[in-house]
Amino acid sequence: NRINQSLEQIRKKANTEVLVDMVSFVPIYEY
């Protein structure tokens, strides 16, 4: 929801390309 709408607007610009790179997907913990 955060990135798809923004990337769609950016792709409409001339001479512009977009690539999404997966960095990490990890569990988080609390005490």
PDB file of all heavy atoms in Angstrom:
ATOM      1  N   ASN A   1       0.820  -1.210   0.000  1.00  0.00           N
ATOM      2  CA  ASN A   1       0.000   0.000   0.000  1.00  0.00           C
ATOM      3  C   ASN A   1       0.855   1.261   0.000  1.00  0.00           C
ATOM      4  O   ASN A   1       0.479   2.278  -0.593  1.00  0.00           O
ATOM      5  CB  ASN A   1      -0.938   0.004   1.220  1.00  0.00           C
ATOM      6  CG  ASN A   1      -2.035  -1.038   1.118  1.00  0.00           C
ATOM      7  OD1 ASN A   1      -2.405  -1.447   0.011  1.00  0.00           O
ATOM      8  ND2 ASN A   1      -2.549  -1.485   2.254  1.00  0.00           N
ATOM      9  N   ARG A   2       2.017   1.205   0.658  1.00  0.00           N
ATOM     10  CA  ARG A   2       2.879   2.386   0.746  1.00  0.00           C
ATOM     11  C   ARG A   2       3.581   2.682  -0.587  1.00  0.00           C
ATOM     12  O   ARG A   2       3.710   3.842  -0.970  1.00  0.00           O
ATOM     13  CB  ARG A   2       3.934   2.190   1.841  1.00  0.00           C
ATOM     14  CG  ARG A   2       3.403   2.281   3.252  1.00  0.00           C
ATOM     15  CD  ARG A   2       4.511   2.076   4.254  1.00  0.00           C
ATOM     16  NE  ARG A   2       5.523   3.135   4.185  1.00  0.00           N
ATOM     17  CZ  ARG A   2       6.658   3.116   4.874  1.00  0.00           C
ATOM     18  NH1 ARG A   2       6.939   2.077   5.652  1.00  0.00           N
ATOM     19  NH2 ARG A   2       7.502   4.109   4.781  1.00  0.00           N
ATOM     20  N   ILE A   3       4.067   1.637  -1.249  1.00  0.00           N
ATOM     21  CA  ILE A   3       4.955   1.889  -2.389  1.00  0.00           C
ATOM     22  C   ILE A   3       4.294   1.776  -3.759  1.00  0.00           C
ATOM     23  O   ILE A   3       4.729   2.441  -4.703  1.00  0.00           O
ATOM     24  CB  ILE A   3       6.186   0.957  -2.337  1.00  0.00           C
ATOM     25  CG1 ILE A   3       5.787  -0.496  -2.575  1.00  0.00           C
ATOM     26  CG2 ILE A   3       6.917   1.107  -1.020  1.00  0.00           C
ATOM     27  CD1 ILE A   3       6.979  -1.444  -2.643  1.00  0.00           C
ATOM     28  N   ASN A   4       3.234   0.956  -3.894  1.00  0.00           N
ATOM     29  CA  ASN A   4       2.702   0.706  -5.246  1.00  0.00           C
ATOM     30  C   ASN A   4       2.160   1.967  -5.900  1.00  0.00           C
ATOM     31  O   ASN A   4       2.421   2.242  -7.078  1.00  0.00           O
ATOM     32  CB  ASN A   4       1.610  -0.364  -5.179  1.00  0.00           C
ATOM     33  CG  ASN A   4       2.194  -1.757  -4.967  1.00  0.00           C
ATOM     34  OD1 ASN A   4       3.404  -1.956  -5.110  1.00  0.00           O
ATOM     35  ND2 ASN A   4       1.349  -2.721  -4.618  1.00  0.00           N
ATOM     36  N   GLN A   5       1.384   2.750  -5.156  1.00  0.00           N
ATOM     37  CA  GLN A   5       0.806   3.953  -5.729  1.00  0.00           C
ATOM     38  C   GLN A   5       1.885   4.967  -6.096  1.00  0.00           C
ATOM     39  O   GLN A   5       1.828   5.616  -7.150  1.00  0.00           O
ATOM     40  CB  GLN A   5      -0.205   4.569  -4.754  1.00  0.00           C
ATOM     41  CG  GLN A   5      -0.967   5.757  -5.341  1.00  0.00           C
ATOM     42  CD  GLN A   5      -2.034   6.263  -4.392  1.00  0.00           C
ATOM     43  OE1 GLN A   5      -2.203   5.732  -3.299  1.00  0.00           O
ATOM     44  NE2 GLN A   5      -2.759   7.295  -4.801  1.00  0.00           N
ATOM     45  N   SER A   6       2.914   5.090  -5.242  1.00  0.00           N
ATOM     46  CA  SER A   6       4.003   6.018  -5.528  1.00  0.00           C
ATOM     47  C   SER A   6       4.790   5.591  -6.762  1.00  0.00           C
ATOM     48  O   SER A   6       5.119   6.415  -7.630  1.00  0.00           O
ATOM     49  CB  SER A   6       4.948   6.106  -4.323  1.00  0.00           C
ATOM     50  OG  SER A   6       4.275   6.611  -3.195  1.00  0.00           O
ATOM     51  N   LEU A   7       5.091   4.301  -6.864  1.00  0.00           N
ATOM     52  CA  LEU A   7       5.870   3.817  -8.000  1.00  0.00           C
ATOM     53  C   LEU A   7       5.101   3.976  -9.306  1.00  0.00           C
ATOM     54  O   LEU A   7       5.696   4.229 -10.370  1.00  0.00           O
ATOM     55  CB  LEU A   7       6.253   2.351  -7.780  1.00  0.00           C
ATOM     56  CG  LEU A   7       7.127   2.063  -6.560  1.00  0.00           C
ATOM     57  CD1 LEU A   7       7.579   0.618  -6.536  1.00  0.00           C
ATOM     58  CD2 LEU A   7       8.336   2.979  -6.524  1.00  0.00           C
ATOM     59  N   GLU A   8       3.787   3.834  -9.250  1.00  0.00           N
ATOM     60  CA  GLU A   8       2.973   4.022 -10.454  1.00  0.00           C
ATOM     61  C   GLU A   8       3.084   5.465 -10.961  1.00  0.00           C
ATOM     62  O   GLU A   8       3.168   5.711 -12.165  1.00  0.00           O
ATOM     63  CB  GLU A   8       1.523   3.658 -10.154  1.00  0.00           C
ATOM     64  CG  GLU A   8       0.612   3.720 -11.372  1.00  0.00           C
ATOM     65  CD  GLU A   8      -0.814   3.306 -11.046  1.00  0.00           C
ATOM     66  OE1 GLU A   8      -1.044   2.781  -9.938  1.00  0.00           O
ATOM     67  OE2 GLU A   8      -1.683   3.518 -11.901  1.00  0.00           O
ATOM     68  N   GLN A   9       3.108   6.427 -10.050  1.00  0.00           N
ATOM     69  CA  GLN A   9       3.261   7.836 -10.457  1.00  0.00           C
ATOM     70  C   GLN A   9       4.660   8.115 -11.003  1.00  0.00           C
ATOM     71  O   GLN A   9       4.826   8.851 -11.971  1.00  0.00           O
ATOM     72  CB  GLN A   9       2.983   8.747  -9.262  1.00  0.00           C
ATOM     73  CG  GLN A   9       1.575   8.685  -8.720  1.00  0.00           C
ATOM     74  CD  GLN A   9       1.385   9.638  -7.554  1.00  0.00           C
ATOM     75  OE1 GLN A   9       1.700  10.836  -7.649  1.00  0.00           O
ATOM     76  NE2 GLN A   9       0.892   9.126  -6.439  1.00  0.00           N
ATOM     77  N   ILE A  10       5.670   7.505 -10.389  1.00  0.00           N
ATOM     78  CA  ILE A  10       7.041   7.752 -10.836  1.00  0.00           C
ATOM     79  C   ILE A  10       7.270   7.163 -12.222  1.00  0.00           C
ATOM     80  O   ILE A  10       7.960   7.759 -13.055  1.00  0.00           O
ATOM     81  CB  ILE A  10       8.030   7.155  -9.812  1.00  0.00           C
ATOM     82  CG1 ILE A  10       7.935   7.920  -8.494  1.00  0.00           C
ATOM     83  CG2 ILE A  10       9.463   7.206 -10.343  1.00  0.00           C
ATOM     84  CD1 ILE A  10       8.737   7.314  -7.359  1.00  0.00           C
ATOM     85  N   ARG A  11       6.701   5.986 -12.489  1.00  0.00           N
ATOM     86  CA  ARG A  11       6.881   5.350 -13.800  1.00  0.00           C
ATOM     87  C   ARG A  11       6.296   6.186 -14.940  1.00  0.00           C
ATOM     88  O   ARG A  11       6.684   6.026 -16.096  1.00  0.00           O
ATOM     89  CB  ARG A  11       6.246   3.958 -13.799  1.00  0.00           C
ATOM     90  CG  ARG A  11       7.025   2.926 -12.987  1.00  0.00           C
ATOM     91  CD  ARG A  11       6.472   1.533 -13.215  1.00  0.00           C
ATOM     92  NE  ARG A  11       7.237   0.527 -12.489  1.00  0.00           N
ATOM     93  CZ  ARG A  11       6.866  -0.010 -11.330  1.00  0.00           C
ATOM     94  NH1 ARG A  11       5.707   0.385 -10.766  1.00  0.00           N
ATOM     95  NH2 ARG A  11       7.613  -0.908 -10.737  1.00  0.00           N
ATOM     96  N   LYS A  12       5.360   7.073 -14.631  1.00  0.00           N
ATOM     97  CA  LYS A  12       4.760   7.911 -15.662  1.00  0.00           C
ATOM     98  C   LYS A  12       5.702   9.017 -16.135  1.00  0.00           C
ATOM     99  O   LYS A  12       5.484   9.623 -17.180  1.00  0.00           O
ATOM    100  CB  LYS A  12       3.457   8.531 -15.144  1.00  0.00           C
ATOM    101  CG  LYS A  12       2.350   7.515 -14.893  1.00  0.00           C
ATOM    102  CD  LYS A  12       1.090   8.189 -14.351  1.00  0.00           C
ATOM    103  CE  LYS A  12      -0.001   7.174 -14.076  1.00  0.00           C
ATOM    104  NZ  LYS A  12      -1.232   7.825 -13.512  1.00  0.00           N
ATOM    105  N   LYS A  13       6.749   9.294 -15.362  1.00  0.00           N
ATOM    106  CA  LYS A  13       7.709  10.318 -15.760  1.00  0.00           C
ATOM    107  C   LYS A  13       8.558   9.824 -16.929  1.00  0.00           C
ATOM    108  O   LYS A  13       8.892   8.641 -17.024  1.00  0.00           O
ATOM    109  CB  LYS A  13       8.618  10.689 -14.578  1.00  0.00           C
ATOM    110  CG  LYS A  13       7.910  11.435 -13.455  1.00  0.00           C
ATOM    111  CD  LYS A  13       8.885  11.780 -12.348  1.00  0.00           C
ATOM    112  CE  LYS A  13       8.245  12.699 -11.318  1.00  0.00           C
ATOM    113  NZ  LYS A  13       7.994  14.056 -11.873  1.00  0.00           N
ATOM    114  N   ALA A  14       8.925  10.738 -17.803  1.00  0.00           N
ATOM    115  CA  ALA A  14       9.722  10.374 -18.976  1.00  0.00           C
ATOM    116  C   ALA A  14      11.132   9.970 -18.565  1.00  0.00           C
ATOM    117  O   ALA A  14      11.709  10.540 -17.632  1.00  0.00           O
ATOM    118  CB  ALA A  14       9.780  11.554 -19.951  1.00  0.00           C
ATOM    119  N   ASN A  15      11.681   8.975 -19.259  1.00  0.00           N
ATOM    120  CA  ASN A  15      13.062   8.510 -19.057  1.00  0.00           C
ATOM    121  C   ASN A  15      13.324   8.107 -17.608  1.00  0.00           C
ATOM    122  O   ASN A  15      14.370   8.403 -17.045  1.00  0.00           O
ATOM    123  CB  ASN A  15      14.059   9.594 -19.479  1.00  0.00           C
ATOM    124  CG  ASN A  15      13.911   9.997 -20.932  1.00  0.00           C
ATOM    125  OD1 ASN A  15      13.730   9.142 -21.795  1.00  0.00           O
ATOM    126  ND2 ASN A  15      13.968  11.292 -21.203  1.00  0.00           N
ATOM    127  N   THR A  16      12.332   7.427 -17.025  1.00  0.00           N
ATOM    128  CA  THR A  16      12.453   6.997 -15.632  1.00  0.00           C
ATOM    129  C   THR A  16      12.153   5.505 -15.525  1.00  0.00           C
ATOM    130  O   THR A  16      11.186   5.021 -16.118  1.00  0.00           O
ATOM    131  CB  THR A  16      11.492   7.779 -14.725  1.00  0.00           C
ATOM    132  OG1 THR A  16      11.752   9.179 -14.861  1.00  0.00           O
ATOM    133  CG2 THR A  16      11.680   7.397 -13.268  1.00  0.00           C
ATOM    134  N   GLU A  17      12.988   4.784 -14.786  1.00  0.00           N
ATOM    135  CA  GLU A  17      12.793   3.360 -14.541  1.00  0.00           C
ATOM    136  C   GLU A  17      12.834   3.101 -13.051  1.00  0.00           C
ATOM    137  O   GLU A  17      13.529   3.794 -12.305  1.00  0.00           O
ATOM    138  CB  GLU A  17      13.873   2.527 -15.247  1.00  0.00           C
ATOM    139  CG  GLU A  17      13.901   2.692 -16.764  1.00  0.00           C
ATOM    140  CD  GLU A  17      15.007   1.883 -17.398  1.00  0.00           C
ATOM    141  OE1 GLU A  17      15.393   0.831 -16.810  1.00  0.00           O
ATOM    142  OE2 GLU A  17      15.508   2.270 -18.461  1.00  0.00           O
ATOM    143  N   VAL A  18      12.088   2.065 -12.619  1.00  0.00           N
ATOM    144  CA  VAL A  18      11.977   1.754 -11.195  1.00  0.00           C
ATOM    145  C   VAL A  18      12.227   0.268 -10.982  1.00  0.00           C
ATOM    146  O   VAL A  18      11.750  -0.574 -11.747  1.00  0.00           O
ATOM    147  CB  VAL A  18      10.587   2.134 -10.646  1.00  0.00           C
ATOM    148  CG1 VAL A  18      10.472   1.739  -9.171  1.00  0.00           C
ATOM    149  CG2 VAL A  18      10.332   3.621 -10.798  1.00  0.00           C
ATOM    150  N   LEU A  19      13.000  -0.039  -9.932  1.00  0.00           N
ATOM    151  CA  LEU A  19      13.255  -1.423  -9.543  1.00  0.00           C
ATOM    152  C   LEU A  19      13.164  -1.524  -8.029  1.00  0.00           C
ATOM    153  O   LEU A  19      13.746  -0.704  -7.309  1.00  0.00           O
ATOM    154  CB  LEU A  19      14.643  -1.876  -9.999  1.00  0.00           C
ATOM    155  CG  LEU A  19      15.098  -3.259  -9.509  1.00  0.00           C
ATOM    156  CD1 LEU A  19      14.270  -4.361 -10.179  1.00  0.00           C
ATOM    157  CD2 LEU A  19      16.576  -3.473  -9.782  1.00  0.00           C
ATOM    158  N   VAL A  20      12.421  -2.531  -7.534  1.00  0.00           N
ATOM    159  CA  VAL A  20      12.285  -2.761  -6.101  1.00  0.00           C
ATOM    160  C   VAL A  20      13.168  -3.935  -5.717  1.00  0.00           C
ATOM    161  O   VAL A  20      13.052  -5.032  -6.282  1.00  0.00           O
ATOM    162  CB  VAL A  20      10.817  -3.028  -5.709  1.00  0.00           C
ATOM    163  CG1 VAL A  20      10.721  -3.300  -4.206  1.00  0.00           C
ATOM    164  CG2 VAL A  20       9.938  -1.846  -6.097  1.00  0.00           C
ATOM    165  N   ASP A  21      14.063  -3.699  -4.763  1.00  0.00           N
ATOM    166  CA  ASP A  21      15.030  -4.705  -4.336  1.00  0.00           C
ATOM    167  C   ASP A  21      14.683  -5.173  -2.923  1.00  0.00           C
ATOM    168  O   ASP A  21      14.577  -4.377  -1.998  1.00  0.00           O
ATOM    169  CB  ASP A  21      16.447  -4.090  -4.360  1.00  0.00           C
ATOM    170  CG  ASP A  21      17.491  -5.060  -3.863  1.00  0.00           C
ATOM    171  OD1 ASP A  21      17.278  -6.275  -3.978  1.00  0.00           O
ATOM    172  OD2 ASP A  21      18.537  -4.597  -3.356  1.00  0.00           O
ATOM    173  N   MET A  22      14.486  -6.492  -2.770  1.00  0.00           N
ATOM    174  CA  MET A  22      14.189  -7.082  -1.466  1.00  0.00           C
ATOM    175  C   MET A  22      15.464  -7.118  -0.632  1.00  0.00           C
ATOM    176  O   MET A  22      16.492  -7.657  -1.050  1.00  0.00           O
ATOM    177  CB  MET A  22      13.656  -8.491  -1.661  1.00  0.00           C
ATOM    178  CG  MET A  22      13.346  -9.203  -0.379  1.00  0.00           C
ATOM    179  SD  MET A  22      11.851  -8.556   0.399  1.00  0.00           S
ATOM    180  CE  MET A  22      11.611  -9.755   1.698  1.00  0.00           C
ATOM    181  N   VAL A  23      15.428  -6.530   0.572  1.00  0.00           N
ATOM    182  CA  VAL A  23      16.615  -6.463   1.424  1.00  0.00           C
ATOM    183  C   VAL A  23      16.552  -7.497   2.539  1.00  0.00           C
ATOM    184  O   VAL A  23      17.448  -8.327   2.690  1.00  0.00           O
ATOM    185  CB  VAL A  23      16.788  -5.049   2.011  1.00  0.00           C
ATOM    186  CG1 VAL A  23      17.997  -5.004   2.935  1.00  0.00           C
ATOM    187  CG2 VAL A  23      16.933  -4.030   0.897  1.00  0.00           C
ATOM    188  N   SER A  24      15.503  -7.482   3.348  1.00  0.00           N
ATOM    189  CA  SER A  24      15.400  -8.440   4.455  1.00  0.00           C
ATOM    190  C   SER A  24      13.940  -8.592   4.885  1.00  0.00           C
ATOM    191  O   SER A  24      13.125  -7.683   4.699  1.00  0.00           O
ATOM    192  CB  SER A  24      16.262  -7.991   5.641  1.00  0.00           C
ATOM    193  OG  SER A  24      15.778  -6.769   6.173  1.00  0.00           O
ATOM    194  N   PHE A  25      13.657  -9.750   5.466  1.00  0.00           N
ATOM    195  CA  PHE A  25      12.332 -10.040   6.013  1.00  0.00           C
ATOM    196  C   PHE A  25      12.559 -10.935   7.230  1.00  0.00           C
ATOM    197  O   PHE A  25      12.774 -12.136   7.100  1.00  0.00           O
ATOM    198  CB  PHE A  25      11.460 -10.732   4.961  1.00  0.00           C
ATOM    199  CG  PHE A  25      10.019 -10.904   5.370  1.00  0.00           C
ATOM    200  CD1 PHE A  25       9.404  -9.977   6.195  1.00  0.00           C
ATOM    201  CD2 PHE A  25       9.274 -11.992   4.918  1.00  0.00           C
ATOM    202  CE1 PHE A  25       8.081 -10.121   6.568  1.00  0.00           C
ATOM    203  CE2 PHE A  25       7.942 -12.147   5.283  1.00  0.00           C
ATOM    204  CZ  PHE A  25       7.346 -11.215   6.101  1.00  0.00           C
ATOM    205  N   VAL A  26      12.538 -10.329   8.436  1.00  0.00           N
ATOM    206  CA  VAL A  26      12.941 -11.053   9.643  1.00  0.00           C
ATOM    207  C   VAL A  26      11.889 -10.878  10.730  1.00  0.00           C
ATOM    208  O   VAL A  26      11.157  -9.881  10.764  1.00  0.00           O
ATOM    209  CB  VAL A  26      14.308 -10.538  10.158  1.00  0.00           C
ATOM    210  CG1 VAL A  26      15.405 -10.820   9.148  1.00  0.00           C
ATOM    211  CG2 VAL A  26      14.251  -9.050  10.476  1.00  0.00           C
ATOM    212  N   PRO A  27      11.813 -11.855  11.645  1.00  0.00           N
ATOM    213  CA  PRO A  27      10.919 -11.688  12.813  1.00  0.00           C
ATOM    214  C   PRO A  27      11.529 -10.728  13.822  1.00  0.00           C
ATOM    215  O   PRO A  27      12.750 -10.606  13.921  1.00  0.00           O
ATOM    216  CB  PRO A  27      10.823 -13.108  13.381  1.00  0.00           C
ATOM    217  CG  PRO A  27      12.089 -13.778  12.946  1.00  0.00           C
ATOM    218  CD  PRO A  27      12.438 -13.187  11.614  1.00  0.00           C
ATOM    219  N   ILE A  28      10.679 -10.061  14.560  1.00  0.00           N
ATOM    220  CA  ILE A  28      11.139  -9.178  15.631  1.00  0.00           C
ATOM    221  C   ILE A  28      10.570  -9.688  16.955  1.00  0.00           C
ATOM    222  O   ILE A  28       9.533 -10.356  16.991  1.00  0.00           O
ATOM    223  CB  ILE A  28      10.714  -7.710  15.389  1.00  0.00           C
ATOM    224  CG1 ILE A  28       9.206  -7.589  15.179  1.00  0.00           C
ATOM    225  CG2 ILE A  28      11.468  -7.127  14.207  1.00  0.00           C
ATOM    226  CD1 ILE A  28       8.734  -6.164  14.971  1.00  0.00           C
ATOM    227  N   TYR A  29      11.299  -9.362  18.034  1.00  0.00           N
ATOM    228  CA  TYR A  29      10.934  -9.892  19.349  1.00  0.00           C
ATOM    229  C   TYR A  29      10.803  -8.759  20.356  1.00  0.00           C
ATOM    230  O   TYR A  29      11.355  -7.669  20.184  1.00  0.00           O
ATOM    231  CB  TYR A  29      11.995 -10.895  19.826  1.00  0.00           C
ATOM    232  CG  TYR A  29      12.073 -12.137  18.977  1.00  0.00           C
ATOM    233  CD1 TYR A  29      12.851 -12.152  17.823  1.00  0.00           C
ATOM    234  CD2 TYR A  29      11.383 -13.292  19.321  1.00  0.00           C
ATOM    235  CE1 TYR A  29      12.940 -13.293  17.035  1.00  0.00           C
ATOM    236  CE2 TYR A  29      11.459 -14.438  18.550  1.00  0.00           C
ATOM    237  CZ  TYR A  29      12.236 -14.434  17.403  1.00  0.00           C
ATOM    238  OH  TYR A  29      12.307 -15.559  16.632  1.00  0.00           O
ATOM    239  N   GLU A  30      10.078  -9.058  21.440  1.00  0.00           N
ATOM    240  CA  GLU A  30       9.967  -8.153  22.561  1.00  0.00           C
ATOM    241  C   GLU A  30      10.023  -8.977  23.858  1.00  0.00           C
ATOM    242  O   GLU A  30       9.964 -10.216  23.817  1.00  0.00           O
ATOM    243  CB  GLU A  30       8.664  -7.357  22.506  1.00  0.00           C
ATOM    244  CG  GLU A  30       7.417  -8.205  22.602  1.00  0.00           C
ATOM    245  CD  GLU A  30       6.148  -7.386  22.454  1.00  0.00           C
ATOM    246  OE1 GLU A  30       6.254  -6.204  22.098  1.00  0.00           O
ATOM    247  OE2 GLU A  30       5.052  -7.939  22.689  1.00  0.00           O
ATOM    248  N   TYR A  31      10.161  -8.286  24.987  1.00  0.00           N
ATOM    249  CA  TYR A  31      10.287  -8.987  26.269  1.00  0.00           C
ATOM    250  C   TYR A  31       8.954  -8.996  27.015  1.00  0.00           C
ATOM    251  O   TYR A  31       8.251  -7.983  27.083  1.00  0.00           O
ATOM    252  CB  TYR A  31      11.365  -8.330  27.125  1.00  0.00           C
ATOM    253  CG  TYR A  31      12.758  -8.582  26.613  1.00  0.00           C
ATOM    254  CD1 TYR A  31      13.404  -7.630  25.827  1.00  0.00           C
ATOM    255  CD2 TYR A  31      13.417  -9.769  26.906  1.00  0.00           C
ATOM    256  CE1 TYR A  31      14.681  -7.860  25.351  1.00  0.00           C
ATOM    257  CE2 TYR A  31      14.689 -10.010  26.444  1.00  0.00           C
ATOM    258  CZ  TYR A  31      15.323  -9.053  25.660  1.00  0.00           C
ATOM    259  OH  TYR A  31      16.579  -9.287  25.192  1.00  0.00           O
TER     260      TYR A  31
END
